[in-house]
Amino acid sequence: PQQRKKLFVALSFAMNLSLLFLFKYFDFAVENINFLLAKCNLQLI
């Protein structure tokens, strides 16, 4: 089925982009989450 091919494509993208996110965007994401949490007076990450 075509859906299985799409699954393998999605897994390839997810595994590669997660690596990219970890090294390039993790700190950026945490910084912005902390900014929003601080606005809500919640504990920072």
PDB file of all heavy atoms in Angstrom:
ATOM      1  N   PRO A   1       0.820  -1.222   0.000  1.00  0.00           N
ATOM      2  CA  PRO A   1       0.000   0.000   0.000  1.00  0.00           C
ATOM      3  C   PRO A   1       0.857   1.277   0.000  1.00  0.00           C
ATOM      4  O   PRO A   1       1.943   1.321   0.584  1.00  0.00           O
ATOM      5  CB  PRO A   1      -0.811  -0.115   1.295  1.00  0.00           C
ATOM      6  CG  PRO A   1      -0.841  -1.576   1.592  1.00  0.00           C
ATOM      7  CD  PRO A   1       0.464  -2.121   1.112  1.00  0.00           C
ATOM      8  N   GLN A   2       0.336   2.313  -0.636  1.00  0.00           N
ATOM      9  CA  GLN A   2       1.017   3.604  -0.716  1.00  0.00           C
ATOM     10  C   GLN A   2       1.259   4.196   0.662  1.00  0.00           C
ATOM     11  O   GLN A   2       2.258   4.894   0.881  1.00  0.00           O
ATOM     12  CB  GLN A   2       0.186   4.568  -1.565  1.00  0.00           C
ATOM     13  CG  GLN A   2       0.867   5.879  -1.896  1.00  0.00           C
ATOM     14  CD  GLN A   2       1.897   5.741  -2.992  1.00  0.00           C
ATOM     15  OE1 GLN A   2       2.087   4.658  -3.541  1.00  0.00           O
ATOM     16  NE2 GLN A   2       2.562   6.833  -3.323  1.00  0.00           N
ATOM     17  N   GLN A   3       0.354   3.903   1.585  1.00  0.00           N
ATOM     18  CA  GLN A   3       0.481   4.443   2.942  1.00  0.00           C
ATOM     19  C   GLN A   3       1.760   3.967   3.627  1.00  0.00           C
ATOM     20  O   GLN A   3       2.352   4.680   4.423  1.00  0.00           O
ATOM     21  CB  GLN A   3      -0.738   4.055   3.778  1.00  0.00           C
ATOM     22  CG  GLN A   3      -2.037   4.688   3.316  1.00  0.00           C
ATOM     23  CD  GLN A   3      -1.969   6.204   3.358  1.00  0.00           C
ATOM     24  OE1 GLN A   3      -1.392   6.798   4.261  1.00  0.00           O
ATOM     25  NE2 GLN A   3      -2.556   6.846   2.344  1.00  0.00           N
ATOM     26  N   ARG A   4       2.172   2.740   3.298  1.00  0.00           N
ATOM     27  CA  ARG A   4       3.400   2.227   3.909  1.00  0.00           C
ATOM     28  C   ARG A   4       4.616   2.990   3.394  1.00  0.00           C
ATOM     29  O   ARG A   4       5.546   3.287   4.137  1.00  0.00           O
ATOM     30  CB  ARG A   4       3.544   0.735   3.618  1.00  0.00           C
ATOM     31  CG  ARG A   4       4.764   0.105   4.261  1.00  0.00           C
ATOM     32  CD  ARG A   4       4.694  -1.394   4.262  1.00  0.00           C
ATOM     33  NE  ARG A   4       3.592  -1.878   5.094  1.00  0.00           N
ATOM     34  CZ  ARG A   4       3.383  -3.169   5.374  1.00  0.00           C
ATOM     35  NH1 ARG A   4       4.196  -4.086   4.879  1.00  0.00           N
ATOM     36  NH2 ARG A   4       2.373  -3.526   6.133  1.00  0.00           N
ATOM     37  N   LYS A   5       4.631   3.308   2.096  1.00  0.00           N
ATOM     38  CA  LYS A   5       5.711   4.124   1.540  1.00  0.00           C
ATOM     39  C   LYS A   5       5.754   5.485   2.218  1.00  0.00           C
ATOM     40  O   LYS A   5       6.821   5.987   2.577  1.00  0.00           O
ATOM     41  CB  LYS A   5       5.512   4.304   0.035  1.00  0.00           C
ATOM     42  CG  LYS A   5       5.804   3.081  -0.801  1.00  0.00           C
ATOM     43  CD  LYS A   5       5.489   3.339  -2.269  1.00  0.00           C
ATOM     44  CE  LYS A   5       6.304   4.482  -2.823  1.00  0.00           C
ATOM     45  NZ  LYS A   5       6.036   4.700  -4.263  1.00  0.00           N
ATOM     46  N   LYS A   6       4.583   6.086   2.393  1.00  0.00           N
ATOM     47  CA  LYS A   6       4.517   7.387   3.041  1.00  0.00           C
ATOM     48  C   LYS A   6       5.017   7.310   4.481  1.00  0.00           C
ATOM     49  O   LYS A   6       5.629   8.253   4.987  1.00  0.00           O
ATOM     50  CB  LYS A   6       3.092   7.920   3.003  1.00  0.00           C
ATOM     51  CG  LYS A   6       2.609   8.316   1.612  1.00  0.00           C
ATOM     52  CD  LYS A   6       1.202   8.882   1.650  1.00  0.00           C
ATOM     53  CE  LYS A   6       0.765   9.313   0.250  1.00  0.00           C
ATOM     54  NZ  LYS A   6      -0.621   9.863   0.270  1.00  0.00           N
ATOM     55  N   LEU A   7       4.768   6.172   5.122  1.00  0.00           N
ATOM     56  CA  LEU A   7       5.242   5.987   6.500  1.00  0.00           C
ATOM     57  C   LEU A   7       6.764   6.011   6.552  1.00  0.00           C
ATOM     58  O   LEU A   7       7.353   6.658   7.423  1.00  0.00           O
ATOM     59  CB  LEU A   7       4.717   4.663   7.057  1.00  0.00           C
ATOM     60  CG  LEU A   7       5.260   4.259   8.445  1.00  0.00           C
ATOM     61  CD1 LEU A   7       4.855   5.292   9.492  1.00  0.00           C
ATOM     62  CD2 LEU A   7       4.777   2.870   8.817  1.00  0.00           C
ATOM     63  N   PHE A   8       7.409   5.332   5.608  1.00  0.00           N
ATOM     64  CA  PHE A   8       8.867   5.307   5.593  1.00  0.00           C
ATOM     65  C   PHE A   8       9.443   6.688   5.279  1.00  0.00           C
ATOM     66  O   PHE A   8      10.482   7.073   5.822  1.00  0.00           O
ATOM     67  CB  PHE A   8       9.363   4.277   4.579  1.00  0.00           C
ATOM     68  CG  PHE A   8       9.050   2.856   4.972  1.00  0.00           C
ATOM     69  CD1 PHE A   8       8.569   1.948   4.033  1.00  0.00           C
ATOM     70  CD2 PHE A   8       9.233   2.422   6.273  1.00  0.00           C
ATOM     71  CE1 PHE A   8       8.284   0.638   4.390  1.00  0.00           C
ATOM     72  CE2 PHE A   8       8.950   1.115   6.649  1.00  0.00           C
ATOM     73  CZ  PHE A   8       8.469   0.224   5.700  1.00  0.00           C
ATOM     74  N   VAL A   9       8.776   7.428   4.397  1.00  0.00           N
ATOM     75  CA  VAL A   9       9.203   8.800   4.116  1.00  0.00           C
ATOM     76  C   VAL A   9       9.091   9.651   5.384  1.00  0.00           C
ATOM     77  O   VAL A   9      10.000  10.406   5.737  1.00  0.00           O
ATOM     78  CB  VAL A   9       8.371   9.420   2.980  1.00  0.00           C
ATOM     79  CG1 VAL A   9       8.694  10.906   2.834  1.00  0.00           C
ATOM     80  CG2 VAL A   9       8.625   8.698   1.667  1.00  0.00           C
ATOM     81  N   ALA A  10       7.948   9.517   6.065  1.00  0.00           N
ATOM     82  CA  ALA A  10       7.724  10.294   7.288  1.00  0.00           C
ATOM     83  C   ALA A  10       8.751   9.951   8.358  1.00  0.00           C
ATOM     84  O   ALA A  10       9.263  10.840   9.058  1.00  0.00           O
ATOM     85  CB  ALA A  10       6.317  10.041   7.809  1.00  0.00           C
ATOM     86  N   LEU A  11       9.079   8.666   8.495  1.00  0.00           N
ATOM     87  CA  LEU A  11      10.072   8.258   9.489  1.00  0.00           C
ATOM     88  C   LEU A  11      11.447   8.822   9.157  1.00  0.00           C
ATOM     89  O   LEU A  11      12.182   9.266  10.046  1.00  0.00           O
ATOM     90  CB  LEU A  11      10.134   6.729   9.566  1.00  0.00           C
ATOM     91  CG  LEU A  11       8.967   6.040  10.270  1.00  0.00           C
ATOM     92  CD1 LEU A  11       9.075   4.525  10.135  1.00  0.00           C
ATOM     93  CD2 LEU A  11       8.923   6.427  11.749  1.00  0.00           C
ATOM     94  N   SER A  12      11.805   8.797   7.875  1.00  0.00           N
ATOM     95  CA  SER A  12      13.096   9.354   7.458  1.00  0.00           C
ATOM     96  C   SER A  12      13.177  10.832   7.786  1.00  0.00           C
ATOM     97  O   SER A  12      14.184  11.315   8.341  1.00  0.00           O
ATOM     98  CB  SER A  12      13.298   9.128   5.958  1.00  0.00           C
ATOM     99  OG  SER A  12      14.522   9.694   5.530  1.00  0.00           O
ATOM    100  N   PHE A  13      12.111  11.567   7.473  1.00  0.00           N
ATOM    101  CA  PHE A  13      12.094  12.996   7.766  1.00  0.00           C
ATOM    102  C   PHE A  13      12.108  13.239   9.270  1.00  0.00           C
ATOM    103  O   PHE A  13      12.829  14.118   9.761  1.00  0.00           O
ATOM    104  CB  PHE A  13      10.867  13.654   7.127  1.00  0.00           C
ATOM    105  CG  PHE A  13      11.113  14.161   5.740  1.00  0.00           C
ATOM    106  CD1 PHE A  13      11.253  13.282   4.676  1.00  0.00           C
ATOM    107  CD2 PHE A  13      11.225  15.520   5.487  1.00  0.00           C
ATOM    108  CE1 PHE A  13      11.498  13.740   3.392  1.00  0.00           C
ATOM    109  CE2 PHE A  13      11.464  15.993   4.208  1.00  0.00           C
ATOM    110  CZ  PHE A  13      11.598  15.104   3.153  1.00  0.00           C
ATOM    111  N   ALA A  14      11.310  12.467  10.013  1.00  0.00           N
ATOM    112  CA  ALA A  14      11.215  12.675  11.460  1.00  0.00           C
ATOM    113  C   ALA A  14      12.560  12.403  12.143  1.00  0.00           C
ATOM    114  O   ALA A  14      13.000  13.165  13.012  1.00  0.00           O
ATOM    115  CB  ALA A  14      10.134  11.777  12.045  1.00  0.00           C
ATOM    116  N   MET A  15      13.245  11.342  11.750  1.00  0.00           N
ATOM    117  CA  MET A  15      14.511  10.971  12.393  1.00  0.00           C
ATOM    118  C   MET A  15      15.612  11.959  12.063  1.00  0.00           C
ATOM    119  O   MET A  15      16.490  12.235  12.888  1.00  0.00           O
ATOM    120  CB  MET A  15      14.905   9.549  11.984  1.00  0.00           C
ATOM    121  CG  MET A  15      13.939   8.480  12.502  1.00  0.00           C
ATOM    122  SD  MET A  15      14.302   6.819  11.882  1.00  0.00           S
ATOM    123  CE  MET A  15      15.791   6.426  12.802  1.00  0.00           C
ATOM    124  N   ASN A  16      15.598  12.507  10.854  1.00  0.00           N
ATOM    125  CA  ASN A  16      16.612  13.483  10.480  1.00  0.00           C
ATOM    126  C   ASN A  16      16.316  14.863  11.060  1.00  0.00           C
ATOM    127  O   ASN A  16      17.215  15.530  11.577  1.00  0.00           O
ATOM    128  CB  ASN A  16      16.706  13.576   8.947  1.00  0.00           C
ATOM    129  CG  ASN A  16      17.606  12.511   8.355  1.00  0.00           C
ATOM    130  OD1 ASN A  16      18.817  12.646   8.341  1.00  0.00           O
ATOM    131  ND2 ASN A  16      16.996  11.440   7.882  1.00  0.00           N
ATOM    132  N   LEU A  17      15.064  15.294  10.953  1.00  0.00           N
ATOM    133  CA  LEU A  17      14.720  16.626  11.447  1.00  0.00           C
ATOM    134  C   LEU A  17      14.775  16.695  12.970  1.00  0.00           C
ATOM    135  O   LEU A  17      15.037  17.766  13.531  1.00  0.00           O
ATOM    136  CB  LEU A  17      13.340  17.033  10.937  1.00  0.00           C
ATOM    137  CG  LEU A  17      13.255  17.235   9.407  1.00  0.00           C
ATOM    138  CD1 LEU A  17      11.842  17.647   9.014  1.00  0.00           C
ATOM    139  CD2 LEU A  17      14.267  18.256   8.925  1.00  0.00           C
ATOM    140  N   SER A  18      14.527  15.560  13.645  1.00  0.00           N
ATOM    141  CA  SER A  18      14.657  15.558  15.107  1.00  0.00           C
ATOM    142  C   SER A  18      16.115  15.759  15.509  1.00  0.00           C
ATOM    143  O   SER A  18      16.415  16.432  16.506  1.00  0.00           O
ATOM    144  CB  SER A  18      14.119  14.249  15.690  1.00  0.00           C
ATOM    145  OG  SER A  18      14.859  13.134  15.198  1.00  0.00           O
ATOM    146  N   LEU A  19      17.024  15.190  14.727  1.00  0.00           N
ATOM    147  CA  LEU A  19      18.457  15.405  14.969  1.00  0.00           C
ATOM    148  C   LEU A  19      18.803  16.873  14.770  1.00  0.00           C
ATOM    149  O   LEU A  19      19.526  17.481  15.584  1.00  0.00           O
ATOM    150  CB  LEU A  19      19.264  14.526  14.013  1.00  0.00           C
ATOM    151  CG  LEU A  19      20.784  14.569  14.172  1.00  0.00           C
ATOM    152  CD1 LEU A  19      21.202  13.887  15.461  1.00  0.00           C
ATOM    153  CD2 LEU A  19      21.451  13.885  12.973  1.00  0.00           C
ATOM    154  N   LEU A  20      18.276  17.446  13.691  1.00  0.00           N
ATOM    155  CA  LEU A  20      18.511  18.865  13.416  1.00  0.00           C
ATOM    156  C   LEU A  20      17.928  19.729  14.525  1.00  0.00           C
ATOM    157  O   LEU A  20      18.550  20.712  14.967  1.00  0.00           O
ATOM    158  CB  LEU A  20      17.893  19.229  12.065  1.00  0.00           C
ATOM    159  CG  LEU A  20      18.173  20.623  11.514  1.00  0.00           C
ATOM    160  CD1 LEU A  20      19.665  20.833  11.302  1.00  0.00           C
ATOM    161  CD2 LEU A  20      17.417  20.839  10.212  1.00  0.00           C
ATOM    162  N   PHE A  21      16.728  19.372  14.992  1.00  0.00           N
ATOM    163  CA  PHE A  21      16.090  20.134  16.074  1.00  0.00           C
ATOM    164  C   PHE A  21      16.934  20.083  17.346  1.00  0.00           C
ATOM    165  O   PHE A  21      17.131  21.105  18.016  1.00  0.00           O
ATOM    166  CB  PHE A  21      14.691  19.575  16.349  1.00  0.00           C
ATOM    167  CG  PHE A  21      14.031  20.191  17.547  1.00  0.00           C
ATOM    168  CD1 PHE A  21      13.359  21.404  17.447  1.00  0.00           C
ATOM    169  CD2 PHE A  21      14.092  19.570  18.788  1.00  0.00           C
ATOM    170  CE1 PHE A  21      12.768  21.985  18.560  1.00  0.00           C
ATOM    171  CE2 PHE A  21      13.501  20.140  19.906  1.00  0.00           C
ATOM    172  CZ  PHE A  21      12.834  21.347  19.792  1.00  0.00           C
ATOM    173  N   LEU A  22      17.422  18.905  17.677  1.00  0.00           N
ATOM    174  CA  LEU A  22      18.185  18.740  18.915  1.00  0.00           C
ATOM    175  C   LEU A  22      19.414  19.641  18.942  1.00  0.00           C
ATOM    176  O   LEU A  22      19.685  20.318  19.940  1.00  0.00           O
ATOM    177  CB  LEU A  22      18.601  17.275  19.075  1.00  0.00           C
ATOM    178  CG  LEU A  22      19.465  16.952  20.302  1.00  0.00           C
ATOM    179  CD1 LEU A  22      18.705  17.218  21.585  1.00  0.00           C
ATOM    180  CD2 LEU A  22      19.945  15.499  20.237  1.00  0.00           C
ATOM    181  N   PHE A  23      20.153  19.666  17.850  1.00  0.00           N
ATOM    182  CA  PHE A  23      21.407  20.407  17.828  1.00  0.00           C
ATOM    183  C   PHE A  23      21.240  21.880  17.488  1.00  0.00           C
ATOM    184  O   PHE A  23      22.047  22.709  17.898  1.00  0.00           O
ATOM    185  CB  PHE A  23      22.385  19.764  16.840  1.00  0.00           C
ATOM    186  CG  PHE A  23      23.053  18.536  17.375  1.00  0.00           C
ATOM    187  CD1 PHE A  23      22.486  17.294  17.184  1.00  0.00           C
ATOM    188  CD2 PHE A  23      24.233  18.627  18.084  1.00  0.00           C
ATOM    189  CE1 PHE A  23      23.098  16.149  17.688  1.00  0.00           C
ATOM    190  CE2 PHE A  23      24.855  17.499  18.594  1.00  0.00           C
ATOM    191  CZ  PHE A  23      24.282  16.254  18.400  1.00  0.00           C
ATOM    192  N   LYS A  24      20.197  22.221  16.725  1.00  0.00           N
ATOM    193  CA  LYS A  24      20.094  23.586  16.222  1.00  0.00           C
ATOM    194  C   LYS A  24      18.980  24.396  16.874  1.00  0.00           C
ATOM    195  O   LYS A  24      19.113  25.620  17.030  1.00  0.00           O
ATOM    196  CB  LYS A  24      19.888  23.547  14.703  1.00  0.00           C
ATOM    197  CG  LYS A  24      20.032  24.899  14.014  1.00  0.00           C
ATOM    198  CD  LYS A  24      20.088  24.737  12.508  1.00  0.00           C
ATOM    199  CE  LYS A  24      20.316  26.068  11.804  1.00  0.00           C
ATOM    200  NZ  LYS A  24      20.434  25.918  10.334  1.00  0.00           N
ATOM    201  N   TYR A  25      17.882  23.735  17.256  1.00  0.00           N
ATOM    202  CA  TYR A  25      16.704  24.489  17.691  1.00  0.00           C
ATOM    203  C   TYR A  25      16.267  24.207  19.127  1.00  0.00           C
ATOM    204  O   TYR A  25      15.333  24.834  19.613  1.00  0.00           O
ATOM    205  CB  TYR A  25      15.529  24.201  16.740  1.00  0.00           C
ATOM    206  CG  TYR A  25      15.824  24.548  15.313  1.00  0.00           C
ATOM    207  CD1 TYR A  25      16.059  23.548  14.372  1.00  0.00           C
ATOM    208  CD2 TYR A  25      15.907  25.873  14.894  1.00  0.00           C
ATOM    209  CE1 TYR A  25      16.356  23.855  13.056  1.00  0.00           C
ATOM    210  CE2 TYR A  25      16.202  26.196  13.577  1.00  0.00           C
ATOM    211  CZ  TYR A  25      16.423  25.183  12.665  1.00  0.00           C
ATOM    212  OH  TYR A  25      16.715  25.495  11.364  1.00  0.00           O
ATOM    213  N   PHE A  26      16.927  23.273  19.798  1.00  0.00           N
ATOM    214  CA  PHE A  26      16.491  22.918  21.144  1.00  0.00           C
ATOM    215  C   PHE A  26      16.576  24.112  22.092  1.00  0.00           C
ATOM    216  O   PHE A  26      15.619  24.440  22.791  1.00  0.00           O
ATOM    217  CB  PHE A  26      17.336  21.754  21.673  1.00  0.00           C
ATOM    218  CG  PHE A  26      16.950  21.323  23.066  1.00  0.00           C
ATOM    219  CD1 PHE A  26      15.849  20.509  23.276  1.00  0.00           C
ATOM    220  CD2 PHE A  26      17.676  21.747  24.168  1.00  0.00           C
ATOM    221  CE1 PHE A  26      15.488  20.114  24.557  1.00  0.00           C
ATOM    222  CE2 PHE A  26      17.330  21.368  25.451  1.00  0.00           C
ATOM    223  CZ  PHE A  26      16.229  20.550  25.648  1.00  0.00           C
ATOM    224  N   ASP A  27      17.728  24.772  22.118  1.00  0.00           N
ATOM    225  CA  ASP A  27      17.897  25.923  23.007  1.00  0.00           C
ATOM    226  C   ASP A  27      16.919  27.044  22.655  1.00  0.00           C
ATOM    227  O   ASP A  27      16.391  27.721  23.538  1.00  0.00           O
ATOM    228  CB  ASP A  27      19.329  26.443  22.937  1.00  0.00           C
ATOM    229  CG  ASP A  27      20.330  25.484  23.578  1.00  0.00           C
ATOM    230  OD1 ASP A  27      19.892  24.627  24.373  1.00  0.00           O
ATOM    231  OD2 ASP A  27      21.532  25.590  23.271  1.00  0.00           O
ATOM    232  N   PHE A  28      16.698  27.244  21.356  1.00  0.00           N
ATOM    233  CA  PHE A  28      15.758  28.270  20.897  1.00  0.00           C
ATOM    234  C   PHE A  28      14.347  27.955  21.392  1.00  0.00           C
ATOM    235  O   PHE A  28      13.626  28.843  21.876  1.00  0.00           O
ATOM    236  CB  PHE A  28      15.788  28.330  19.365  1.00  0.00           C
ATOM    237  CG  PHE A  28      14.832  29.311  18.760  1.00  0.00           C
ATOM    238  CD1 PHE A  28      14.997  30.676  18.952  1.00  0.00           C
ATOM    239  CD2 PHE A  28      13.772  28.874  17.977  1.00  0.00           C
ATOM    240  CE1 PHE A  28      14.118  31.591  18.381  1.00  0.00           C
ATOM    241  CE2 PHE A  28      12.888  29.775  17.395  1.00  0.00           C
ATOM    242  CZ  PHE A  28      13.066  31.139  17.603  1.00  0.00           C
ATOM    243  N   ALA A  29      13.955  26.681  21.300  1.00  0.00           N
ATOM    244  CA  ALA A  29      12.627  26.275  21.754  1.00  0.00           C
ATOM    245  C   ALA A  29      12.488  26.459  23.262  1.00  0.00           C
ATOM    246  O   ALA A  29      11.478  26.981  23.747  1.00  0.00           O
ATOM    247  CB  ALA A  29      12.361  24.825  21.365  1.00  0.00           C
ATOM    248  N   VAL A  30      13.515  26.032  24.009  1.00  0.00           N
ATOM    249  CA  VAL A  30      13.476  26.163  25.467  1.00  0.00           C
ATOM    250  C   VAL A  30      13.403  27.630  25.883  1.00  0.00           C
ATOM    251  O   VAL A  30      12.647  28.001  26.783  1.00  0.00           O
ATOM    252  CB  VAL A  30      14.709  25.479  26.100  1.00  0.00           C
ATOM    253  CG1 VAL A  30      14.827  25.834  27.581  1.00  0.00           C
ATOM    254  CG2 VAL A  30      14.623  23.970  25.927  1.00  0.00           C
ATOM    255  N   GLU A  31      14.178  28.456  25.211  1.00  0.00           N
ATOM    256  CA  GLU A  31      14.184  29.895  25.512  1.00  0.00           C
ATOM    257  C   GLU A  31      12.798  30.508  25.335  1.00  0.00           C
ATOM    258  O   GLU A  31      12.336  31.289  26.176  1.00  0.00           O
ATOM    259  CB  GLU A  31      15.201  30.587  24.608  1.00  0.00           C
ATOM    260  CG  GLU A  31      15.277  32.096  24.809  1.00  0.00           C
ATOM    261  CD  GLU A  31      16.224  32.745  23.820  1.00  0.00           C
ATOM    262  OE1 GLU A  31      17.116  32.058  23.296  1.00  0.00           O
ATOM    263  OE2 GLU A  31      16.059  33.963  23.560  1.00  0.00           O
ATOM    264  N   ASN A  32      12.126  30.147  24.256  1.00  0.00           N
ATOM    265  CA  ASN A  32      10.796  30.717  23.995  1.00  0.00           C
ATOM    266  C   ASN A  32       9.727  30.118  24.903  1.00  0.00           C
ATOM    267  O   ASN A  32       8.801  30.822  25.313  1.00  0.00           O
ATOM    268  CB  ASN A  32      10.433  30.500  22.522  1.00  0.00           C
ATOM    269  CG  ASN A  32      11.152  31.461  21.597  1.00  0.00           C
ATOM    270  OD1 ASN A  32      10.743  32.592  21.412  1.00  0.00           O
ATOM    271  ND2 ASN A  32      12.260  31.013  21.023  1.00  0.00           N
ATOM    272  N   ILE A  33       9.860  28.833  25.236  1.00  0.00           N
ATOM    273  CA  ILE A  33       8.931  28.222  26.193  1.00  0.00           C
ATOM    274  C   ILE A  33       9.088  28.879  27.560  1.00  0.00           C
ATOM    275  O   ILE A  33       8.100  29.185  28.237  1.00  0.00           O
ATOM    276  CB  ILE A  33       9.165  26.702  26.274  1.00  0.00           C
ATOM    277  CG1 ILE A  33       8.737  26.033  24.965  1.00  0.00           C
ATOM    278  CG2 ILE A  33       8.393  26.104  27.449  1.00  0.00           C
ATOM    279  CD1 ILE A  33       9.099  24.566  24.885  1.00  0.00           C
ATOM    280  N   ASN A  34      10.342  29.107  27.964  1.00  0.00           N
ATOM    281  CA  ASN A  34      10.595  29.772  29.244  1.00  0.00           C
ATOM    282  C   ASN A  34      10.010  31.181  29.273  1.00  0.00           C
ATOM    283  O   ASN A  34       9.508  31.648  30.305  1.00  0.00           O
ATOM    284  CB  ASN A  34      12.094  29.827  29.526  1.00  0.00           C
ATOM    285  CG  ASN A  34      12.636  28.504  30.035  1.00  0.00           C
ATOM    286  OD1 ASN A  34      11.886  27.677  30.543  1.00  0.00           O
ATOM    287  ND2 ASN A  34      13.931  28.298  29.892  1.00  0.00           N
ATOM    288  N   PHE A  35      10.104  31.868  28.132  1.00  0.00           N
ATOM    289  CA  PHE A  35       9.534  33.208  28.044  1.00  0.00           C
ATOM    290  C   PHE A  35       8.021  33.172  28.296  1.00  0.00           C
ATOM    291  O   PHE A  35       7.483  33.990  29.051  1.00  0.00           O
ATOM    292  CB  PHE A  35       9.830  33.804  26.671  1.00  0.00           C
ATOM    293  CG  PHE A  35       9.206  35.152  26.440  1.00  0.00           C
ATOM    294  CD1 PHE A  35       9.785  36.307  26.952  1.00  0.00           C
ATOM    295  CD2 PHE A  35       8.016  35.272  25.718  1.00  0.00           C
ATOM    296  CE1 PHE A  35       9.208  37.552  26.750  1.00  0.00           C
ATOM    297  CE2 PHE A  35       7.427  36.511  25.506  1.00  0.00           C
ATOM    298  CZ  PHE A  35       8.022  37.660  26.020  1.00  0.00           C
ATOM    299  N   LEU A  36       7.337  32.214  27.686  1.00  0.00           N
ATOM    300  CA  LEU A  36       5.885  32.089  27.865  1.00  0.00           C
ATOM    301  C   LEU A  36       5.536  31.646  29.288  1.00  0.00           C
ATOM    302  O   LEU A  36       4.569  32.134  29.884  1.00  0.00           O
ATOM    303  CB  LEU A  36       5.321  31.094  26.853  1.00  0.00           C
ATOM    304  CG  LEU A  36       5.435  31.501  25.377  1.00  0.00           C
ATOM    305  CD1 LEU A  36       4.951  30.378  24.471  1.00  0.00           C
ATOM    306  CD2 LEU A  36       4.626  32.780  25.110  1.00  0.00           C
ATOM    307  N   LEU A  37       6.351  30.720  29.826  1.00  0.00           N
ATOM    308  CA  LEU A  37       6.098  30.260  31.190  1.00  0.00           C
ATOM    309  C   LEU A  37       6.276  31.386  32.204  1.00  0.00           C
ATOM    310  O   LEU A  37       5.523  31.493  33.175  1.00  0.00           O
ATOM    311  CB  LEU A  37       7.030  29.094  31.526  1.00  0.00           C
ATOM    312  CG  LEU A  37       6.780  27.771  30.798  1.00  0.00           C
ATOM    313  CD1 LEU A  37       7.839  26.745  31.177  1.00  0.00           C
ATOM    314  CD2 LEU A  37       5.381  27.231  31.118  1.00  0.00           C
ATOM    315  N   ALA A  38       7.294  32.217  31.966  1.00  0.00           N
ATOM    316  CA  ALA A  38       7.538  33.340  32.873  1.00  0.00           C
ATOM    317  C   ALA A  38       6.360  34.303  32.869  1.00  0.00           C
ATOM    318  O   ALA A  38       6.002  34.881  33.908  1.00  0.00           O
ATOM    319  CB  ALA A  38       8.824  34.057  32.481  1.00  0.00           C
ATOM    320  N   LYS A  39       5.755  34.496  31.700  1.00  0.00           N
ATOM    321  CA  LYS A  39       4.584  35.366  31.604  1.00  0.00           C
ATOM    322  C   LYS A  39       3.406  34.819  32.406  1.00  0.00           C
ATOM    323  O   LYS A  39       2.555  35.575  32.890  1.00  0.00           O
ATOM    324  CB  LYS A  39       4.167  35.529  30.148  1.00  0.00           C
ATOM    325  CG  LYS A  39       5.167  36.297  29.285  1.00  0.00           C
ATOM    326  CD  LYS A  39       5.239  37.763  29.696  1.00  0.00           C
ATOM    327  CE  LYS A  39       6.176  38.542  28.787  1.00  0.00           C
ATOM    328  NZ  LYS A  39       6.270  39.977  29.172  1.00  0.00           N
ATOM    329  N   CYS A  40       3.382  33.488  32.563  1.00  0.00           N
ATOM    330  CA  CYS A  40       2.287  32.835  33.300  1.00  0.00           C
ATOM    331  C   CYS A  40       2.688  32.503  34.734  1.00  0.00           C
ATOM    332  O   CYS A  40       1.950  31.790  35.440  1.00  0.00           O
ATOM    333  CB  CYS A  40       1.872  31.560  32.580  1.00  0.00           C
ATOM    334  SG  CYS A  40       1.302  31.820  30.892  1.00  0.00           S
ATOM    335  N   ASN A  41       3.871  32.995  35.159  1.00  0.00           N
ATOM    336  CA  ASN A  41       4.375  32.746  36.511  1.00  0.00           C
ATOM    337  C   ASN A  41       4.510  31.250  36.820  1.00  0.00           C
ATOM    338  O   ASN A  41       4.189  30.781  37.913  1.00  0.00           O
ATOM    339  CB  ASN A  41       3.463  33.397  37.546  1.00  0.00           C
ATOM    340  CG  ASN A  41       3.465  34.908  37.432  1.00  0.00           C
ATOM    341  OD1 ASN A  41       4.509  35.528  37.242  1.00  0.00           O
ATOM    342  ND2 ASN A  41       2.278  35.511  37.521  1.00  0.00           N
ATOM    343  N   LEU A  42       4.985  30.486  35.825  1.00  0.00           N
ATOM    344  CA  LEU A  42       5.185  29.054  35.991  1.00  0.00           C
ATOM    345  C   LEU A  42       6.672  28.747  36.060  1.00  0.00           C
ATOM    346  O   LEU A  42       7.515  29.565  35.691  1.00  0.00           O
ATOM    347  CB  LEU A  42       4.545  28.287  34.827  1.00  0.00           C
ATOM    348  CG  LEU A  42       3.020  28.425  34.701  1.00  0.00           C
ATOM    349  CD1 LEU A  42       2.531  27.726  33.437  1.00  0.00           C
ATOM    350  CD2 LEU A  42       2.322  27.851  35.925  1.00  0.00           C
ATOM    351  N   GLN A  43       7.004  27.530  36.537  1.00  0.00           N
ATOM    352  CA  GLN A  43       8.402  27.141  36.705  1.00  0.00           C
ATOM    353  C   GLN A  43       9.091  27.026  35.344  1.00  0.00           C
ATOM    354  O   GLN A  43       8.535  26.479  34.396  1.00  0.00           O
ATOM    355  CB  GLN A  43       8.483  25.804  37.437  1.00  0.00           C
ATOM    356  CG  GLN A  43       9.919  25.379  37.749  1.00  0.00           C
ATOM    357  CD  GLN A  43       9.970  24.096  38.556  1.00  0.00           C
ATOM    358  OE1 GLN A  43       8.923  23.544  38.895  1.00  0.00           O
ATOM    359  NE2 GLN A  43      11.160  23.630  38.872  1.00  0.00           N
ATOM    360  N   LEU A  44      10.317  27.521  35.273  1.00  0.00           N
ATOM    361  CA  LEU A  44      11.056  27.508  34.022  1.00  0.00           C
ATOM    362  C   LEU A  44      11.725  26.161  33.785  1.00  0.00           C
ATOM    363  O   LEU A  44      12.031  25.418  34.713  1.00  0.00           O
ATOM    364  CB  LEU A  44      12.113  28.609  34.029  1.00  0.00           C
ATOM    365  CG  LEU A  44      11.616  30.039  34.266  1.00  0.00           C
ATOM    366  CD1 LEU A  44      12.770  31.017  34.157  1.00  0.00           C
ATOM    367  CD2 LEU A  44      10.526  30.406  33.269  1.00  0.00           C
ATOM    368  N   ILE A  45      11.962  25.852  32.494  1.00  0.00           N
ATOM    369  CA  ILE A  45      12.662  24.633  32.102  1.00  0.00           C
ATOM    370  C   ILE A  45      14.155  24.907  32.094  1.00  0.00           C
ATOM    371  O   ILE A  45      14.609  25.916  31.562  1.00  0.00           O
ATOM    372  CB  ILE A  45      12.215  24.184  30.697  1.00  0.00           C
ATOM    373  CG1 ILE A  45      10.710  23.918  30.677  1.00  0.00           C
ATOM    374  CG2 ILE A  45      12.982  22.942  30.249  1.00  0.00           C
ATOM    375  CD1 ILE A  45      10.176  23.632  29.283  1.00  0.00           C
TER     376      ILE A  45
END
